[in-house]
Amino acid sequence: MALWCLFLLSGFCLAVWLNPDSRGFGTHQQLGLPACSFQTSFGLPCPSCGMTTSFSHFVRGQWIRSTQSSVTAFVLALVCVLQILWCGVSVWKNQCWRTQHPDLLALGMLGFLYAVGAAEWLVRFLRS
């Protein structure tokens, strides 16, 4: 759990280091990654477009801009904050805090995030 907590914290540290792209997507290109090939090929945003930008806004407290870039990433960032807190308490107590089935909890969170992401992408697809 301590390693997972550090992994999540490192993602937030990376988001602090990046400057959010003013277009609402494309922040990942600061890492040397190419532009979204899905968007380039089809002219439509991919389901993960805007996630890095959203995280970069999130860590700056720019939560409205974060949701404008990606509602899914904003919700994921909230889930990650909660996971960091939960992992910290669990490590401190030396047991899983308030749940005996963290695998089921994680599965439920993944299903919820998938549903949010699918709904957001459908809305973006219908708008374009």
N, C-alpha and C. Protein backbone atom coordinates (compact mmCIF):
# COMPACT_ATOMS: atom_id res chain seq x y z
N MET A 1 0.81 -1.19 0.00
CA MET A 1 0.00 0.00 0.00
C MET A 1 0.86 1.26 0.00
N ALA A 2 1.98 1.18 0.70
CA ALA A 2 2.87 2.34 0.72
C ALA A 2 3.40 2.64 -0.68
N LEU A 3 3.73 1.59 -1.44
CA LEU A 3 4.21 1.79 -2.81
C LEU A 3 3.12 2.37 -3.70
N TRP A 4 1.90 1.90 -3.53
CA TRP A 4 0.78 2.42 -4.31
C TRP A 4 0.57 3.89 -3.99
N CYS A 5 0.65 4.23 -2.73
CA CYS A 5 0.50 5.62 -2.28
C CYS A 5 1.59 6.49 -2.93
N LEU A 6 2.82 6.02 -2.93
CA LEU A 6 3.92 6.77 -3.56
C LEU A 6 3.72 6.90 -5.07
N PHE A 7 3.21 5.86 -5.69
CA PHE A 7 2.92 5.90 -7.13
C PHE A 7 1.89 6.98 -7.43
N LEU A 8 0.81 7.02 -6.65
CA LEU A 8 -0.22 8.03 -6.85
C LEU A 8 0.32 9.44 -6.60
N LEU A 9 1.10 9.59 -5.55
CA LEU A 9 1.71 10.89 -5.26
C LEU A 9 2.64 11.34 -6.38
N SER A 10 3.35 10.39 -6.98
CA SER A 10 4.25 10.76 -8.09
C SER A 10 3.46 11.28 -9.29
N GLY A 11 2.27 10.74 -9.51
CA GLY A 11 1.42 11.25 -10.59
C GLY A 11 1.01 12.69 -10.34
N PHE A 12 0.70 13.01 -9.10
CA PHE A 12 0.35 14.39 -8.76
C PHE A 12 1.57 15.31 -8.88
N CYS A 13 2.74 14.81 -8.50
CA CYS A 13 3.97 15.60 -8.64
C CYS A 13 4.25 15.90 -10.11
N LEU A 14 4.04 14.93 -10.96
CA LEU A 14 4.21 15.14 -12.40
C LEU A 14 3.22 16.19 -12.90
N ALA A 15 1.99 16.13 -12.43
CA ALA A 15 0.97 17.10 -12.84
C ALA A 15 1.34 18.52 -12.40
N VAL A 16 2.01 18.65 -11.25
CA VAL A 16 2.46 19.97 -10.78
C VAL A 16 3.55 20.50 -11.72
N TRP A 17 4.42 19.61 -12.16
CA TRP A 17 5.53 19.99 -13.01
C TRP A 17 5.07 20.45 -14.40
N LEU A 18 3.96 19.89 -14.90
CA LEU A 18 3.46 20.23 -16.24
C LEU A 18 2.61 21.50 -16.19
N ASN A 19 2.64 22.25 -17.28
CA ASN A 19 1.77 23.43 -17.40
C ASN A 19 0.54 23.04 -18.22
N PRO A 20 -0.67 23.29 -17.70
CA PRO A 20 -1.86 22.90 -18.45
C PRO A 20 -1.94 23.61 -19.79
N ASP A 21 -2.21 22.85 -20.84
CA ASP A 21 -2.37 23.41 -22.17
C ASP A 21 -3.66 24.22 -22.23
N SER A 22 -3.60 25.40 -22.81
CA SER A 22 -4.77 26.29 -22.86
C SER A 22 -5.90 25.75 -23.74
N ARG A 23 -5.60 24.78 -24.60
CA ARG A 23 -6.64 24.20 -25.45
C ARG A 23 -7.54 23.23 -24.68
N GLY A 24 -7.09 22.80 -23.48
CA GLY A 24 -7.85 21.83 -22.70
C GLY A 24 -7.40 20.40 -22.95
N PHE A 25 -6.42 20.21 -23.80
CA PHE A 25 -5.84 18.90 -24.09
C PHE A 25 -4.44 19.14 -24.65
N GLY A 26 -3.63 18.11 -24.67
CA GLY A 26 -2.30 18.22 -25.27
C GLY A 26 -1.17 18.43 -24.27
N THR A 27 -1.48 18.54 -22.99
CA THR A 27 -0.45 18.75 -21.98
C THR A 27 0.56 17.61 -21.98
N HIS A 28 0.13 16.41 -22.33
CA HIS A 28 1.03 15.25 -22.34
C HIS A 28 2.19 15.42 -23.32
N GLN A 29 2.05 16.30 -24.30
CA GLN A 29 3.10 16.50 -25.28
C GLN A 29 4.35 17.13 -24.66
N GLN A 30 4.22 17.75 -23.49
CA GLN A 30 5.38 18.29 -22.78
C GLN A 30 6.31 17.17 -22.31
N LEU A 31 5.79 15.96 -22.28
CA LEU A 31 6.58 14.79 -21.88
C LEU A 31 7.28 14.14 -23.08
N GLY A 32 7.12 14.75 -24.25
CA GLY A 32 7.73 14.20 -25.46
C GLY A 32 6.83 13.22 -26.18
N LEU A 33 5.60 13.08 -25.71
CA LEU A 33 4.66 12.17 -26.36
C LEU A 33 4.02 12.85 -27.56
N PRO A 34 3.60 12.08 -28.56
CA PRO A 34 2.99 12.68 -29.75
C PRO A 34 1.56 13.15 -29.47
N ALA A 35 1.03 13.93 -30.39
CA ALA A 35 -0.37 14.34 -30.32
C ALA A 35 -1.25 13.10 -30.39
N CYS A 36 -2.46 13.22 -29.92
CA CYS A 36 -3.40 12.09 -29.89
C CYS A 36 -3.64 11.58 -31.32
N SER A 37 -3.25 10.33 -31.58
CA SER A 37 -3.41 9.77 -32.93
C SER A 37 -4.87 9.53 -33.26
N PHE A 38 -5.69 9.25 -32.26
CA PHE A 38 -7.12 9.06 -32.50
C PHE A 38 -7.74 10.35 -33.01
N GLN A 39 -7.41 11.45 -32.32
CA GLN A 39 -7.95 12.75 -32.72
C GLN A 39 -7.40 13.19 -34.07
N THR A 40 -6.12 12.92 -34.30
CA THR A 40 -5.50 13.27 -35.58
C THR A 40 -6.12 12.47 -36.72
N SER A 41 -6.37 11.19 -36.48
CA SER A 41 -6.89 10.32 -37.54
C SER A 41 -8.37 10.54 -37.83
N PHE A 42 -9.16 10.71 -36.77
CA PHE A 42 -10.61 10.74 -36.95
C PHE A 42 -11.25 12.12 -36.70
N GLY A 43 -10.47 13.06 -36.20
CA GLY A 43 -11.01 14.39 -35.93
C GLY A 43 -11.95 14.41 -34.72
N LEU A 44 -11.90 13.38 -33.92
CA LEU A 44 -12.74 13.29 -32.72
C LEU A 44 -11.85 13.09 -31.50
N PRO A 45 -12.27 13.62 -30.37
CA PRO A 45 -11.46 13.39 -29.16
C PRO A 45 -11.55 11.93 -28.73
N CYS A 46 -10.43 11.40 -28.26
CA CYS A 46 -10.45 10.03 -27.74
C CYS A 46 -10.99 10.06 -26.32
N PRO A 47 -11.34 8.92 -25.77
CA PRO A 47 -11.90 8.90 -24.41
C PRO A 47 -10.98 9.49 -23.35
N SER A 48 -9.68 9.52 -23.60
CA SER A 48 -8.77 10.05 -22.59
C SER A 48 -8.24 11.45 -22.91
N CYS A 49 -8.73 12.07 -23.97
CA CYS A 49 -8.29 13.43 -24.31
C CYS A 49 -8.59 14.39 -23.16
N GLY A 50 -7.59 15.15 -22.78
CA GLY A 50 -7.74 16.16 -21.74
C GLY A 50 -7.42 15.69 -20.35
N MET A 51 -7.10 14.41 -20.19
CA MET A 51 -6.86 13.89 -18.83
C MET A 51 -5.61 14.48 -18.17
N THR A 52 -4.51 14.55 -18.89
CA THR A 52 -3.29 15.12 -18.31
C THR A 52 -3.51 16.60 -18.00
N THR A 53 -4.16 17.30 -18.90
CA THR A 53 -4.46 18.71 -18.68
C THR A 53 -5.37 18.88 -17.48
N SER A 54 -6.36 18.01 -17.35
CA SER A 54 -7.27 18.06 -16.21
C SER A 54 -6.52 17.87 -14.90
N PHE A 55 -5.63 16.89 -14.85
CA PHE A 55 -4.84 16.66 -13.64
C PHE A 55 -3.96 17.88 -13.33
N SER A 56 -3.40 18.48 -14.37
CA SER A 56 -2.54 19.65 -14.18
C SER A 56 -3.34 20.82 -13.61
N HIS A 57 -4.57 20.99 -14.04
CA HIS A 57 -5.45 22.02 -13.46
C HIS A 57 -5.85 21.62 -12.04
N PHE A 58 -6.14 20.36 -11.82
CA PHE A 58 -6.60 19.87 -10.51
C PHE A 58 -5.59 20.20 -9.41
N VAL A 59 -4.31 19.92 -9.65
CA VAL A 59 -3.30 20.15 -8.62
C VAL A 59 -3.08 21.63 -8.35
N ARG A 60 -3.55 22.49 -9.23
CA ARG A 60 -3.45 23.93 -9.04
C ARG A 60 -4.71 24.51 -8.40
N GLY A 61 -5.67 23.63 -8.09
CA GLY A 61 -6.93 24.08 -7.50
C GLY A 61 -7.88 24.71 -8.50
N GLN A 62 -7.60 24.55 -9.77
CA GLN A 62 -8.45 25.10 -10.84
C GLN A 62 -9.46 24.03 -11.25
N TRP A 63 -10.38 23.76 -10.36
CA TRP A 63 -11.26 22.61 -10.52
C TRP A 63 -12.29 22.79 -11.63
N ILE A 64 -12.73 23.99 -11.88
CA ILE A 64 -13.67 24.19 -13.00
C ILE A 64 -12.95 23.92 -14.32
N ARG A 65 -11.74 24.45 -14.46
CA ARG A 65 -10.95 24.17 -15.67
C ARG A 65 -10.64 22.69 -15.79
N SER A 66 -10.39 22.06 -14.64
CA SER A 66 -10.12 20.63 -14.63
C SER A 66 -11.30 19.85 -15.21
N THR A 67 -12.52 20.18 -14.76
CA THR A 67 -13.70 19.48 -15.29
C THR A 67 -13.97 19.84 -16.74
N GLN A 68 -13.60 21.06 -17.14
CA GLN A 68 -13.79 21.43 -18.55
C GLN A 68 -12.87 20.63 -19.45
N SER A 69 -11.68 20.28 -18.96
CA SER A 69 -10.75 19.47 -19.75
C SER A 69 -11.20 18.02 -19.78
N SER A 70 -11.60 17.48 -18.61
CA SER A 70 -12.06 16.10 -18.54
C SER A 70 -12.74 15.85 -17.20
N VAL A 71 -14.03 15.61 -17.25
CA VAL A 71 -14.78 15.27 -16.04
C VAL A 71 -14.25 13.95 -15.47
N THR A 72 -13.96 13.03 -16.34
CA THR A 72 -13.47 11.72 -15.91
C THR A 72 -12.16 11.85 -15.15
N ALA A 73 -11.24 12.66 -15.66
CA ALA A 73 -9.96 12.85 -14.99
C ALA A 73 -10.14 13.57 -13.66
N PHE A 74 -11.08 14.51 -13.60
CA PHE A 74 -11.35 15.20 -12.33
C PHE A 74 -11.83 14.19 -11.29
N VAL A 75 -12.76 13.33 -11.68
CA VAL A 75 -13.26 12.30 -10.76
C VAL A 75 -12.14 11.34 -10.39
N LEU A 76 -11.31 10.96 -11.36
CA LEU A 76 -10.17 10.08 -11.09
C LEU A 76 -9.20 10.74 -10.11
N ALA A 77 -8.96 12.03 -10.27
CA ALA A 77 -8.07 12.74 -9.35
C ALA A 77 -8.64 12.72 -7.93
N LEU A 78 -9.95 12.92 -7.81
CA LEU A 78 -10.58 12.84 -6.49
C LEU A 78 -10.42 11.44 -5.89
N VAL A 79 -10.64 10.43 -6.72
CA VAL A 79 -10.48 9.05 -6.26
C VAL A 79 -9.04 8.80 -5.82
N CYS A 80 -8.08 9.34 -6.57
CA CYS A 80 -6.66 9.16 -6.21
C CYS A 80 -6.35 9.84 -4.88
N VAL A 81 -6.90 11.02 -4.66
CA VAL A 81 -6.69 11.70 -3.37
C VAL A 81 -7.24 10.84 -2.24
N LEU A 82 -8.44 10.31 -2.44
CA LEU A 82 -9.04 9.45 -1.42
C LEU A 82 -8.22 8.18 -1.20
N GLN A 83 -7.68 7.63 -2.29
CA GLN A 83 -6.83 6.44 -2.17
C GLN A 83 -5.54 6.74 -1.40
N ILE A 84 -4.96 7.90 -1.65
CA ILE A 84 -3.74 8.29 -0.93
C ILE A 84 -4.03 8.37 0.56
N LEU A 85 -5.14 9.03 0.90
CA LEU A 85 -5.51 9.14 2.32
C LEU A 85 -5.79 7.76 2.92
N TRP A 86 -6.55 6.93 2.18
CA TRP A 86 -6.90 5.59 2.66
C TRP A 86 -5.64 4.73 2.84
N CYS A 87 -4.75 4.78 1.85
CA CYS A 87 -3.51 4.00 1.95
C CYS A 87 -2.67 4.47 3.13
N GLY A 88 -2.61 5.79 3.33
CA GLY A 88 -1.83 6.32 4.44
C GLY A 88 -2.35 5.83 5.78
N VAL A 89 -3.67 5.88 5.96
CA VAL A 89 -4.26 5.39 7.20
C VAL A 89 -4.06 3.89 7.33
N SER A 90 -4.23 3.16 6.25
CA SER A 90 -4.07 1.70 6.28
C SER A 90 -2.64 1.31 6.64
N VAL A 91 -1.67 2.01 6.08
CA VAL A 91 -0.27 1.73 6.41
C VAL A 91 -0.01 2.05 7.88
N TRP A 92 -0.53 3.19 8.33
CA TRP A 92 -0.34 3.59 9.72
C TRP A 92 -0.95 2.58 10.69
N LYS A 93 -2.15 2.05 10.34
CA LYS A 93 -2.82 1.07 11.20
C LYS A 93 -2.33 -0.36 10.94
N ASN A 94 -1.55 -0.55 9.90
CA ASN A 94 -1.04 -1.85 9.51
C ASN A 94 -2.16 -2.85 9.15
N GLN A 95 -3.23 -2.33 8.58
CA GLN A 95 -4.33 -3.18 8.08
C GLN A 95 -5.21 -2.33 7.16
N CYS A 96 -5.96 -2.98 6.29
CA CYS A 96 -6.88 -2.26 5.41
C CYS A 96 -7.92 -1.54 6.26
N TRP A 97 -7.97 -0.24 6.09
CA TRP A 97 -8.85 0.58 6.91
C TRP A 97 -10.28 0.56 6.37
N ARG A 98 -11.21 0.19 7.22
CA ARG A 98 -12.65 0.24 6.97
C ARG A 98 -13.15 -0.66 5.84
N THR A 99 -12.36 -1.59 5.40
CA THR A 99 -12.85 -2.56 4.42
C THR A 99 -12.06 -3.86 4.57
N GLN A 100 -12.77 -4.95 4.41
CA GLN A 100 -12.12 -6.25 4.41
C GLN A 100 -11.91 -6.75 2.99
N HIS A 101 -12.49 -6.04 2.02
CA HIS A 101 -12.41 -6.47 0.62
C HIS A 101 -11.98 -5.30 -0.27
N PRO A 102 -10.72 -4.89 -0.17
CA PRO A 102 -10.27 -3.77 -1.00
C PRO A 102 -10.35 -4.08 -2.50
N ASP A 103 -10.29 -5.36 -2.86
CA ASP A 103 -10.39 -5.74 -4.26
C ASP A 103 -11.78 -5.41 -4.81
N LEU A 104 -12.82 -5.67 -4.03
CA LEU A 104 -14.18 -5.35 -4.47
C LEU A 104 -14.40 -3.83 -4.52
N LEU A 105 -13.81 -3.13 -3.58
CA LEU A 105 -13.89 -1.67 -3.57
C LEU A 105 -13.22 -1.10 -4.81
N ALA A 106 -12.04 -1.62 -5.14
CA ALA A 106 -11.32 -1.17 -6.34
C ALA A 106 -12.10 -1.49 -7.61
N LEU A 107 -12.70 -2.65 -7.66
CA LEU A 107 -13.51 -3.03 -8.82
C LEU A 107 -14.70 -2.11 -8.98
N GLY A 108 -15.34 -1.77 -7.88
CA GLY A 108 -16.47 -0.83 -7.92
C GLY A 108 -16.04 0.55 -8.39
N MET A 109 -14.89 1.01 -7.91
CA MET A 109 -14.38 2.32 -8.35
C MET A 109 -14.04 2.31 -9.83
N LEU A 110 -13.43 1.23 -10.30
CA LEU A 110 -13.10 1.12 -11.72
C LEU A 110 -14.36 1.13 -12.58
N GLY A 111 -15.38 0.40 -12.13
CA GLY A 111 -16.64 0.39 -12.87
C GLY A 111 -17.28 1.76 -12.92
N PHE A 112 -17.23 2.47 -11.80
CA PHE A 112 -17.78 3.83 -11.76
C PHE A 112 -17.00 4.76 -12.69
N LEU A 113 -15.68 4.69 -12.64
CA LEU A 113 -14.86 5.53 -13.52
C LEU A 113 -15.08 5.19 -14.99
N TYR A 114 -15.24 3.92 -15.28
CA TYR A 114 -15.52 3.50 -16.66
C TYR A 114 -16.85 4.11 -17.13
N ALA A 115 -17.87 4.06 -16.28
CA ALA A 115 -19.18 4.60 -16.63
C ALA A 115 -19.10 6.11 -16.86
N VAL A 116 -18.39 6.81 -15.99
CA VAL A 116 -18.23 8.26 -16.15
C VAL A 116 -17.50 8.56 -17.45
N GLY A 117 -16.42 7.82 -17.70
CA GLY A 117 -15.64 8.02 -18.92
C GLY A 117 -16.44 7.74 -20.19
N ALA A 118 -17.20 6.66 -20.17
CA ALA A 118 -18.02 6.31 -21.35
C ALA A 118 -19.09 7.38 -21.59
N ALA A 119 -19.71 7.84 -20.53
CA ALA A 119 -20.75 8.88 -20.66
C ALA A 119 -20.14 10.18 -21.18
N GLU A 120 -18.98 10.55 -20.64
CA GLU A 120 -18.34 11.78 -21.10
C GLU A 120 -17.94 11.68 -22.56
N TRP A 121 -17.38 10.54 -22.96
CA TRP A 121 -16.98 10.40 -24.35
C TRP A 121 -18.18 10.41 -25.28
N LEU A 122 -19.27 9.80 -24.87
CA LEU A 122 -20.49 9.81 -25.68
C LEU A 122 -20.98 11.24 -25.86
N VAL A 123 -20.99 12.03 -24.82
CA VAL A 123 -21.40 13.43 -24.91
C VAL A 123 -20.47 14.19 -25.86
N ARG A 124 -19.17 13.99 -25.73
CA ARG A 124 -18.21 14.67 -26.63
C ARG A 124 -18.43 14.23 -28.08
N PHE A 125 -18.66 12.94 -28.26
CA PHE A 125 -18.88 12.40 -29.61
C PHE A 125 -20.14 13.01 -30.24
N LEU A 126 -21.21 13.12 -29.46
CA LEU A 126 -22.47 13.67 -29.98
C LEU A 126 -22.36 15.17 -30.26
N ARG A 127 -21.51 15.87 -29.52
CA ARG A 127 -21.33 17.32 -29.74
C ARG A 127 -20.51 17.63 -30.98
N SER A 128 -19.68 16.67 -31.42
CA SER A 128 -18.80 16.96 -32.57
C SER A 128 -19.42 16.56 -33.87
